[in-house]
Amino acid sequence: MMSNINVMVDEEITKEATEIFTKLGFDMNTAINIFLRSAIRKKGIPFDLLVDEVDDFANFNDETIEAIEEAERICKDPNRKRFSFSKELREVFGI
């Protein structure tokens, strides 16, 4: 059984997030499901919550900068694996 969650989100945040998720090959519902499943798996928020604001890469260590740059390269790679809203995507993310 599925349930509905209504969330108020700034229009610009919704637009930017939708653009990113579309490039990754999935929609907002799938992204939220991934977040929720990750939170369950980690038994908490699935990323670090930091007090310090980061405006650029100056505060990241070399490994983090390399990971960000790799993620950007992967996103731009036309040959990267893409997902549709198919059985395969659901299997990969356990949805």
PDB file of N, CA and C in Angstrom:
ATOM      1  N   MET A   1       0.840  -1.179   0.000  1.00  0.00           N
ATOM      2  CA  MET A   1       0.000   0.000   0.000  1.00  0.00           C
ATOM      3  C   MET A   1       0.887   1.245   0.000  1.00  0.00           C
ATOM      4  N   MET A   2       0.489   2.234  -0.738  1.00  0.00           N
ATOM      5  CA  MET A   2       1.241   3.480  -0.830  1.00  0.00           C
ATOM      6  C   MET A   2       0.519   4.555  -0.028  1.00  0.00           C
ATOM      7  N   SER A   3       1.282   5.535   0.463  1.00  0.00           N
ATOM      8  CA  SER A   3       0.680   6.672   1.150  1.00  0.00           C
ATOM      9  C   SER A   3       1.152   7.954   0.479  1.00  0.00           C
ATOM     10  N   ASN A   4       0.399   9.007   0.655  1.00  0.00           N
ATOM     11  CA  ASN A   4       0.747  10.313   0.107  1.00  0.00           C
ATOM     12  C   ASN A   4       1.360  11.176   1.192  1.00  0.00           C
ATOM     13  N   ILE A   5       2.375  11.962   0.793  1.00  0.00           N
ATOM     14  CA  ILE A   5       3.000  12.930   1.681  1.00  0.00           C
ATOM     15  C   ILE A   5       2.912  14.282   0.977  1.00  0.00           C
ATOM     16  N   ASN A   6       2.339  15.262   1.635  1.00  0.00           N
ATOM     17  CA  ASN A   6       2.269  16.615   1.080  1.00  0.00           C
ATOM     18  C   ASN A   6       3.325  17.468   1.765  1.00  0.00           C
ATOM     19  N   VAL A   7       4.183  18.081   0.959  1.00  0.00           N
ATOM     20  CA  VAL A   7       5.278  18.878   1.496  1.00  0.00           C
ATOM     21  C   VAL A   7       5.273  20.242   0.813  1.00  0.00           C
ATOM     22  N   MET A   8       5.364  21.295   1.594  1.00  0.00           N
ATOM     23  CA  MET A   8       5.478  22.641   1.045  1.00  0.00           C
ATOM     24  C   MET A   8       6.960  22.918   0.783  1.00  0.00           C
ATOM     25  N   VAL A   9       7.287  23.225  -0.474  1.00  0.00           N
ATOM     26  CA  VAL A   9       8.669  23.468  -0.868  1.00  0.00           C
ATOM     27  C   VAL A   9       8.702  24.727  -1.720  1.00  0.00           C
ATOM     28  N   ASP A  10       9.718  25.545  -1.503  1.00  0.00           N
ATOM     29  CA  ASP A  10       9.919  26.745  -2.299  1.00  0.00           C
ATOM     30  C   ASP A  10       9.913  26.375  -3.786  1.00  0.00           C
ATOM     31  N   GLU A  11       9.261  27.183  -4.591  1.00  0.00           N
ATOM     32  CA  GLU A  11       9.120  26.908  -6.020  1.00  0.00           C
ATOM     33  C   GLU A  11      10.467  26.763  -6.722  1.00  0.00           C
ATOM     34  N   GLU A  12      11.429  27.624  -6.386  1.00  0.00           N
ATOM     35  CA  GLU A  12      12.751  27.562  -7.020  1.00  0.00           C
ATOM     36  C   GLU A  12      13.483  26.275  -6.629  1.00  0.00           C
ATOM     37  N   ILE A  13      13.356  25.857  -5.382  1.00  0.00           N
ATOM     38  CA  ILE A  13      13.973  24.601  -4.930  1.00  0.00           C
ATOM     39  C   ILE A  13      13.388  23.438  -5.721  1.00  0.00           C
ATOM     40  N   THR A  14      12.068  23.432  -5.871  1.00  0.00           N
ATOM     41  CA  THR A  14      11.404  22.370  -6.631  1.00  0.00           C
ATOM     42  C   THR A  14      11.911  22.339  -8.066  1.00  0.00           C
ATOM     43  N   LYS A  15      12.022  23.503  -8.683  1.00  0.00           N
ATOM     44  CA  LYS A  15      12.481  23.596 -10.075  1.00  0.00           C
ATOM     45  C   LYS A  15      13.905  23.072 -10.216  1.00  0.00           C
ATOM     46  N   GLU A  16      14.808  23.541  -9.366  1.00  0.00           N
ATOM     47  CA  GLU A  16      16.206  23.123  -9.454  1.00  0.00           C
ATOM     48  C   GLU A  16      16.359  21.632  -9.177  1.00  0.00           C
ATOM     49  N   ALA A  17      15.670  21.135  -8.163  1.00  0.00           N
ATOM     50  CA  ALA A  17      15.758  19.713  -7.834  1.00  0.00           C
ATOM     51  C   ALA A  17      15.201  18.862  -8.969  1.00  0.00           C
ATOM     52  N   THR A  18      14.090  19.285  -9.560  1.00  0.00           N
ATOM     53  CA  THR A  18      13.491  18.542 -10.670  1.00  0.00           C
ATOM     54  C   THR A  18      14.456  18.456 -11.845  1.00  0.00           C
ATOM     55  N   GLU A  19      15.149  19.545 -12.147  1.00  0.00           N
ATOM     56  CA  GLU A  19      16.134  19.542 -13.237  1.00  0.00           C
ATOM     57  C   GLU A  19      17.242  18.532 -12.964  1.00  0.00           C
ATOM     58  N   ILE A  20      17.735  18.507 -11.739  1.00  0.00           N
ATOM     59  CA  ILE A  20      18.801  17.570 -11.375  1.00  0.00           C
ATOM     60  C   ILE A  20      18.299  16.137 -11.476  1.00  0.00           C
ATOM     61  N   PHE A  21      17.140  15.861 -10.896  1.00  0.00           N
ATOM     62  CA  PHE A  21      16.615  14.497 -10.910  1.00  0.00           C
ATOM     63  C   PHE A  21      16.325  14.033 -12.331  1.00  0.00           C
ATOM     64  N   THR A  22      15.851  14.925 -13.183  1.00  0.00           N
ATOM     65  CA  THR A  22      15.593  14.571 -14.577  1.00  0.00           C
ATOM     66  C   THR A  22      16.887  14.166 -15.263  1.00  0.00           C
ATOM     67  N   LYS A  23      17.963  14.906 -15.017  1.00  0.00           N
ATOM     68  CA  LYS A  23      19.262  14.556 -15.591  1.00  0.00           C
ATOM     69  C   LYS A  23      19.733  13.196 -15.098  1.00  0.00           C
ATOM     70  N   LEU A  24      19.362  12.849 -13.881  1.00  0.00           N
ATOM     71  CA  LEU A  24      19.736  11.551 -13.320  1.00  0.00           C
ATOM     72  C   LEU A  24      18.803  10.437 -13.788  1.00  0.00           C
ATOM     73  N   GLY A  25      17.717  10.799 -14.442  1.00  0.00           N
ATOM     74  CA  GLY A  25      16.821   9.798 -15.002  1.00  0.00           C
ATOM     75  C   GLY A  25      15.647   9.412 -14.129  1.00  0.00           C
ATOM     76  N   PHE A  26      15.318  10.217 -13.139  1.00  0.00           N
ATOM     77  CA  PHE A  26      14.140   9.905 -12.336  1.00  0.00           C
ATOM     78  C   PHE A  26      13.401  11.163 -11.903  1.00  0.00           C
ATOM     79  N   ASP A  27      12.214  10.962 -11.339  1.00  0.00           N
ATOM     80  CA  ASP A  27      11.361  12.085 -10.964  1.00  0.00           C
ATOM     81  C   ASP A  27      11.448  12.378  -9.466  1.00  0.00           C
ATOM     82  N   MET A  28      10.709  13.397  -9.039  1.00  0.00           N
ATOM     83  CA  MET A  28      10.723  13.830  -7.640  1.00  0.00           C
ATOM     84  C   MET A  28      10.258  12.716  -6.705  1.00  0.00           C
ATOM     85  N   ASN A  29       9.207  11.990  -7.091  1.00  0.00           N
ATOM     86  CA  ASN A  29       8.715  10.898  -6.242  1.00  0.00           C
ATOM     87  C   ASN A  29       9.794   9.858  -5.990  1.00  0.00           C
ATOM     88  N   THR A  30      10.516   9.489  -7.043  1.00  0.00           N
ATOM     89  CA  THR A  30      11.580   8.501  -6.901  1.00  0.00           C
ATOM     90  C   THR A  30      12.692   9.040  -6.009  1.00  0.00           C
ATOM     91  N   ALA A  31      13.065  10.314  -6.193  1.00  0.00           N
ATOM     92  CA  ALA A  31      14.119  10.920  -5.373  1.00  0.00           C
ATOM     93  C   ALA A  31      13.726  10.930  -3.899  1.00  0.00           C
ATOM     94  N   ILE A  32      12.484  11.266  -3.618  1.00  0.00           N
ATOM     95  CA  ILE A  32      12.022  11.284  -2.225  1.00  0.00           C
ATOM     96  C   ILE A  32      12.003   9.877  -1.656  1.00  0.00           C
ATOM     97  N   ASN A  33      11.579   8.894  -2.461  1.00  0.00           N
ATOM     98  CA  ASN A  33      11.613   7.503  -2.008  1.00  0.00           C
ATOM     99  C   ASN A  33      13.036   7.053  -1.699  1.00  0.00           C
ATOM    100  N   ILE A  34      13.988   7.455  -2.535  1.00  0.00           N
ATOM    101  CA  ILE A  34      15.393   7.108  -2.294  1.00  0.00           C
ATOM    102  C   ILE A  34      15.858   7.727  -0.978  1.00  0.00           C
ATOM    103  N   PHE A  35      15.523   9.001  -0.764  1.00  0.00           N
ATOM    104  CA  PHE A  35      15.894   9.667   0.484  1.00  0.00           C
ATOM    105  C   PHE A  35      15.308   8.935   1.688  1.00  0.00           C
ATOM    106  N   LEU A  36      14.017   8.632   1.643  1.00  0.00           N
ATOM    107  CA  LEU A  36      13.361   7.977   2.783  1.00  0.00           C
ATOM    108  C   LEU A  36      13.952   6.598   3.053  1.00  0.00           C
ATOM    109  N   ARG A  37      14.203   5.835   1.991  1.00  0.00           N
ATOM    110  CA  ARG A  37      14.794   4.503   2.179  1.00  0.00           C
ATOM    111  C   ARG A  37      16.217   4.607   2.736  1.00  0.00           C
ATOM    112  N   SER A  38      16.962   5.609   2.281  1.00  0.00           N
ATOM    113  CA  SER A  38      18.312   5.824   2.820  1.00  0.00           C
ATOM    114  C   SER A  38      18.252   6.191   4.294  1.00  0.00           C
ATOM    115  N   ALA A  39      17.295   7.018   4.675  1.00  0.00           N
ATOM    116  CA  ALA A  39      17.134   7.402   6.084  1.00  0.00           C
ATOM    117  C   ALA A  39      16.812   6.180   6.935  1.00  0.00           C
ATOM    118  N   ILE A  40      15.957   5.310   6.426  1.00  0.00           N
ATOM    119  CA  ILE A  40      15.627   4.081   7.158  1.00  0.00           C
ATOM    120  C   ILE A  40      16.862   3.202   7.291  1.00  0.00           C
ATOM    121  N   ARG A  41      17.586   3.030   6.194  1.00  0.00           N
ATOM    122  CA  ARG A  41      18.777   2.176   6.197  1.00  0.00           C
ATOM    123  C   ARG A  41      19.841   2.713   7.160  1.00  0.00           C
ATOM    124  N   LYS A  42      20.023   4.032   7.189  1.00  0.00           N
ATOM    125  CA  LYS A  42      21.036   4.639   8.066  1.00  0.00           C
ATOM    126  C   LYS A  42      20.502   4.953   9.455  1.00  0.00           C
ATOM    127  N   LYS A  43      19.192   4.797   9.631  1.00  0.00           N
ATOM    128  CA  LYS A  43      18.541   5.120  10.905  1.00  0.00           C
ATOM    129  C   LYS A  43      18.789   6.582  11.290  1.00  0.00           C
ATOM    130  N   GLY A  44      18.688   7.449  10.306  1.00  0.00           N
ATOM    131  CA  GLY A  44      18.878   8.878  10.518  1.00  0.00           C
ATOM    132  C   GLY A  44      18.921   9.601   9.187  1.00  0.00           C
ATOM    133  N   ILE A  45      19.229  10.876   9.230  1.00  0.00           N
ATOM    134  CA  ILE A  45      19.377  11.655   8.004  1.00  0.00           C
ATOM    135  C   ILE A  45      20.555  11.064   7.232  1.00  0.00           C
ATOM    136  N   PRO A  46      20.390  10.763   5.939  1.00  0.00           N
ATOM    137  CA  PRO A  46      21.441  10.060   5.197  1.00  0.00           C
ATOM    138  C   PRO A  46      22.588  10.941   4.694  1.00  0.00           C
ATOM    139  N   PHE A  47      22.825  12.048   5.348  1.00  0.00           N
ATOM    140  CA  PHE A  47      23.962  12.899   5.024  1.00  0.00           C
ATOM    141  C   PHE A  47      24.309  13.712   6.262  1.00  0.00           C
ATOM    142  N   ASP A  48      25.524  14.275   6.273  1.00  0.00           N
ATOM    143  CA  ASP A  48      25.964  15.067   7.419  1.00  0.00           C
ATOM    144  C   ASP A  48      25.230  16.401   7.462  1.00  0.00           C
ATOM    145  N   LEU A  49      24.816  16.786   8.646  1.00  0.00           N
ATOM    146  CA  LEU A  49      24.225  18.107   8.856  1.00  0.00           C
ATOM    147  C   LEU A  49      25.284  18.963   9.537  1.00  0.00           C
ATOM    148  N   LEU A  50      25.688  20.040   8.875  1.00  0.00           N
ATOM    149  CA  LEU A  50      26.772  20.873   9.375  1.00  0.00           C
ATOM    150  C   LEU A  50      26.267  22.271   9.690  1.00  0.00           C
ATOM    151  N   VAL A  51      26.847  22.885  10.693  1.00  0.00           N
ATOM    152  CA  VAL A  51      26.491  24.246  11.070  1.00  0.00           C
ATOM    153  C   VAL A  51      27.176  25.244  10.150  1.00  0.00           C
ATOM    154  N   ASP A  52      28.425  25.005   9.797  1.00  0.00           N
ATOM    155  CA  ASP A  52      29.185  25.925   8.959  1.00  0.00           C
ATOM    156  C   ASP A  52      28.618  25.962   7.552  1.00  0.00           C
ATOM    157  N   GLU A  53      28.520  27.158   6.994  1.00  0.00           N
ATOM    158  CA  GLU A  53      28.098  27.307   5.612  1.00  0.00           C
ATOM    159  C   GLU A  53      29.314  27.147   4.715  1.00  0.00           C
ATOM    160  N   VAL A  54      29.121  26.495   3.587  1.00  0.00           N
ATOM    161  CA  VAL A  54      30.200  26.281   2.635  1.00  0.00           C
ATOM    162  C   VAL A  54      29.818  26.976   1.339  1.00  0.00           C
ATOM    163  N   ASP A  55      30.607  27.992   0.974  1.00  0.00           N
ATOM    164  CA  ASP A  55      30.317  28.739  -0.240  1.00  0.00           C
ATOM    165  C   ASP A  55      31.091  28.224  -1.442  1.00  0.00           C
ATOM    166  N   ASP A  56      32.186  27.529  -1.196  1.00  0.00           N
ATOM    167  CA  ASP A  56      32.985  27.023  -2.301  1.00  0.00           C
ATOM    168  C   ASP A  56      33.729  25.779  -1.842  1.00  0.00           C
ATOM    169  N   PHE A  57      34.652  25.306  -2.640  1.00  0.00           N
ATOM    170  CA  PHE A  57      35.390  24.090  -2.321  1.00  0.00           C
ATOM    171  C   PHE A  57      36.492  24.305  -1.287  1.00  0.00           C
ATOM    172  N   ALA A  58      36.694  25.522  -0.830  1.00  0.00           N
ATOM    173  CA  ALA A  58      37.806  25.819   0.070  1.00  0.00           C
ATOM    174  C   ALA A  58      37.767  24.997   1.352  1.00  0.00           C
ATOM    175  N   ASN A  59      36.579  24.679   1.835  1.00  0.00           N
ATOM    176  CA  ASN A  59      36.464  23.945   3.093  1.00  0.00           C
ATOM    177  C   ASN A  59      36.414  22.432   2.923  1.00  0.00           C
ATOM    178  N   PHE A  60      36.450  21.947   1.676  1.00  0.00           N
ATOM    179  CA  PHE A  60      36.422  20.510   1.436  1.00  0.00           C
ATOM    180  C   PHE A  60      37.838  19.955   1.382  1.00  0.00           C
ATOM    181  N   ASN A  61      37.989  18.699   1.816  1.00  0.00           N
ATOM    182  CA  ASN A  61      39.294  18.066   1.670  1.00  0.00           C
ATOM    183  C   ASN A  61      39.451  17.574   0.229  1.00  0.00           C
ATOM    184  N   ASP A  62      40.663  17.158  -0.131  1.00  0.00           N
ATOM    185  CA  ASP A  62      40.952  16.756  -1.511  1.00  0.00           C
ATOM    186  C   ASP A  62      40.065  15.604  -1.972  1.00  0.00           C
ATOM    187  N   GLU A  63      39.816  14.646  -1.091  1.00  0.00           N
ATOM    188  CA  GLU A  63      38.992  13.491  -1.455  1.00  0.00           C
ATOM    189  C   GLU A  63      37.561  13.921  -1.803  1.00  0.00           C
ATOM    190  N   THR A  64      37.024  14.850  -1.036  1.00  0.00           N
ATOM    191  CA  THR A  64      35.669  15.341  -1.295  1.00  0.00           C
ATOM    192  C   THR A  64      35.615  16.115  -2.604  1.00  0.00           C
ATOM    193  N   ILE A  65      36.607  16.953  -2.847  1.00  0.00           N
ATOM    194  CA  ILE A  65      36.654  17.708  -4.103  1.00  0.00           C
ATOM    195  C   ILE A  65      36.728  16.759  -5.288  1.00  0.00           C
ATOM    196  N   GLU A  66      37.566  15.719  -5.182  1.00  0.00           N
ATOM    197  CA  GLU A  66      37.671  14.731  -6.258  1.00  0.00           C
ATOM    198  C   GLU A  66      36.339  14.019  -6.478  1.00  0.00           C
ATOM    199  N   ALA A  67      35.634  13.700  -5.401  1.00  0.00           N
ATOM    200  CA  ALA A  67      34.334  13.028  -5.519  1.00  0.00           C
ATOM    201  C   ALA A  67      33.316  13.932  -6.209  1.00  0.00           C
ATOM    202  N   ILE A  68      33.312  15.214  -5.869  1.00  0.00           N
ATOM    203  CA  ILE A  68      32.401  16.168  -6.506  1.00  0.00           C
ATOM    204  C   ILE A  68      32.722  16.286  -7.990  1.00  0.00           C
ATOM    205  N   GLU A  69      33.995  16.412  -8.308  1.00  0.00           N
ATOM    206  CA  GLU A  69      34.396  16.530  -9.710  1.00  0.00           C
ATOM    207  C   GLU A  69      34.053  15.264 -10.486  1.00  0.00           C
ATOM    208  N   GLU A  70      34.235  14.099  -9.858  1.00  0.00           N
ATOM    209  CA  GLU A  70      33.871  12.833 -10.510  1.00  0.00           C
ATOM    210  C   GLU A  70      32.365  12.770 -10.766  1.00  0.00           C
ATOM    211  N   ALA A  71      31.574  13.188  -9.782  1.00  0.00           N
ATOM    212  CA  ALA A  71      30.114  13.192  -9.947  1.00  0.00           C
ATOM    213  C   ALA A  71      29.706  14.116 -11.092  1.00  0.00           C
ATOM    214  N   GLU A  72      30.359  15.264 -11.198  1.00  0.00           N
ATOM    215  CA  GLU A  72      30.055  16.192 -12.288  1.00  0.00           C
ATOM    216  C   GLU A  72      30.412  15.580 -13.639  1.00  0.00           C
ATOM    217  N   ARG A  73      31.565  14.868 -13.707  1.00  0.00           N
ATOM    218  CA  ARG A  73      31.959  14.198 -14.951  1.00  0.00           C
ATOM    219  C   ARG A  73      30.948  13.118 -15.327  1.00  0.00           C
ATOM    220  N   ILE A  74      30.514  12.348 -14.337  1.00  0.00           N
ATOM    221  CA  ILE A  74      29.544  11.282 -14.594  1.00  0.00           C
ATOM    222  C   ILE A  74      28.245  11.873 -15.126  1.00  0.00           C
ATOM    223  N   CYS A  75      27.788  12.966 -14.528  1.00  0.00           N
ATOM    224  CA  CYS A  75      26.535  13.596 -14.971  1.00  0.00           C
ATOM    225  C   CYS A  75      26.628  14.092 -16.408  1.00  0.00           C
ATOM    226  N   LYS A  76      27.810  14.522 -16.822  1.00  0.00           N
ATOM    227  CA  LYS A  76      27.990  15.050 -18.175  1.00  0.00           C
ATOM    228  C   LYS A  76      28.272  13.959 -19.203  1.00  0.00           C
ATOM    229  N   ASP A  77      28.576  12.736 -18.754  1.00  0.00           N
ATOM    230  CA  ASP A  77      28.929  11.633 -19.645  1.00  0.00           C
ATOM    231  C   ASP A  77      27.684  11.126 -20.380  1.00  0.00           C
ATOM    232  N   PRO A  78      27.648  11.289 -21.708  1.00  0.00           N
ATOM    233  CA  PRO A  78      26.467  10.829 -22.448  1.00  0.00           C
ATOM    234  C   PRO A  78      26.324   9.308 -22.452  1.00  0.00           C
ATOM    235  N   ASN A  79      27.374   8.586 -22.111  1.00  0.00           N
ATOM    236  CA  ASN A  79      27.332   7.120 -22.111  1.00  0.00           C
ATOM    237  C   ASN A  79      27.021   6.527 -20.745  1.00  0.00           C
ATOM    238  N   ARG A  80      26.771   7.384 -19.738  1.00  0.00           N
ATOM    239  CA  ARG A  80      26.498   6.857 -18.400  1.00  0.00           C
ATOM    240  C   ARG A  80      25.179   6.112 -18.388  1.00  0.00           C
ATOM    241  N   LYS A  81      25.047   5.211 -17.429  1.00  0.00           N
ATOM    242  CA  LYS A  81      23.816   4.444 -17.298  1.00  0.00           C
ATOM    243  C   LYS A  81      22.691   5.373 -16.874  1.00  0.00           C
ATOM    244  N   ARG A  82      21.592   5.274 -17.574  1.00  0.00           N
ATOM    245  CA  ARG A  82      20.416   6.078 -17.253  1.00  0.00           C
ATOM    246  C   ARG A  82      19.283   5.146 -16.870  1.00  0.00           C
ATOM    247  N   PHE A  83      18.421   5.650 -16.032  1.00  0.00           N
ATOM    248  CA  PHE A  83      17.279   4.868 -15.593  1.00  0.00           C
ATOM    249  C   PHE A  83      15.995   5.525 -16.058  1.00  0.00           C
ATOM    250  N   SER A  84      15.050   4.696 -16.439  1.00  0.00           N
ATOM    251  CA  SER A  84      13.690   5.182 -16.636  1.00  0.00           C
ATOM    252  C   SER A  84      12.932   4.759 -15.388  1.00  0.00           C
ATOM    253  N   PHE A  85      11.661   4.918 -15.373  1.00  0.00           N
ATOM    254  CA  PHE A  85      10.888   4.546 -14.197  1.00  0.00           C
ATOM    255  C   PHE A  85      10.511   3.079 -14.312  1.00  0.00           C
ATOM    256  N   SER A  86      11.507   2.266 -14.568  1.00  0.00           N
ATOM    257  CA  SER A  86      11.284   0.859 -14.860  1.00  0.00           C
ATOM    258  C   SER A  86      11.566  -0.037 -13.667  1.00  0.00           C
ATOM    259  N   LYS A  87      11.320  -1.307 -13.899  1.00  0.00           N
ATOM    260  CA  LYS A  87      11.587  -2.325 -12.886  1.00  0.00           C
ATOM    261  C   LYS A  87      13.063  -2.293 -12.474  1.00  0.00           C
ATOM    262  N   GLU A  88      13.962  -2.066 -13.435  1.00  0.00           N
ATOM    263  CA  GLU A  88      15.401  -2.038 -13.148  1.00  0.00           C
ATOM    264  C   GLU A  88      15.756  -0.971 -12.113  1.00  0.00           C
ATOM    265  N   LEU A  89      15.225   0.224 -12.264  1.00  0.00           N
ATOM    266  CA  LEU A  89      15.495   1.301 -11.306  1.00  0.00           C
ATOM    267  C   LEU A  89      15.012   0.907  -9.925  1.00  0.00           C
ATOM    268  N   ARG A  90      13.816   0.374  -9.871  1.00  0.00           N
ATOM    269  CA  ARG A  90      13.261  -0.027  -8.579  1.00  0.00           C
ATOM    270  C   ARG A  90      14.100  -1.118  -7.934  1.00  0.00           C
ATOM    271  N   GLU A  91      14.613  -2.042  -8.740  1.00  0.00           N
ATOM    272  CA  GLU A  91      15.451  -3.109  -8.193  1.00  0.00           C
ATOM    273  C   GLU A  91      16.767  -2.546  -7.659  1.00  0.00           C
ATOM    274  N   VAL A  92      17.386  -1.637  -8.409  1.00  0.00           N
ATOM    275  CA  VAL A  92      18.671  -1.060  -8.001  1.00  0.00           C
ATOM    276  C   VAL A  92      18.543  -0.334  -6.668  1.00  0.00           C
ATOM    277  N   PHE A  93      17.452   0.427  -6.498  1.00  0.00           N
ATOM    278  CA  PHE A  93      17.279   1.214  -5.287  1.00  0.00           C
ATOM    279  C   PHE A  93      16.355   0.569  -4.271  1.00  0.00           C
ATOM    280  N   GLY A  94      15.913  -0.656  -4.541  1.00  0.00           N
ATOM    281  CA  GLY A  94      15.064  -1.362  -3.588  1.00  0.00           C
ATOM    282  C   GLY A  94      13.715  -0.713  -3.385  1.00  0.00           C
ATOM    283  N   ILE A  95      13.196  -0.155  -4.455  1.00  0.00           N
ATOM    284  CA  ILE A  95      11.899   0.534  -4.351  1.00  0.00           C
ATOM    285  C   ILE A  95      10.799  -0.415  -4.787  1.00  0.00           C
TER     286      ILE A  95
END
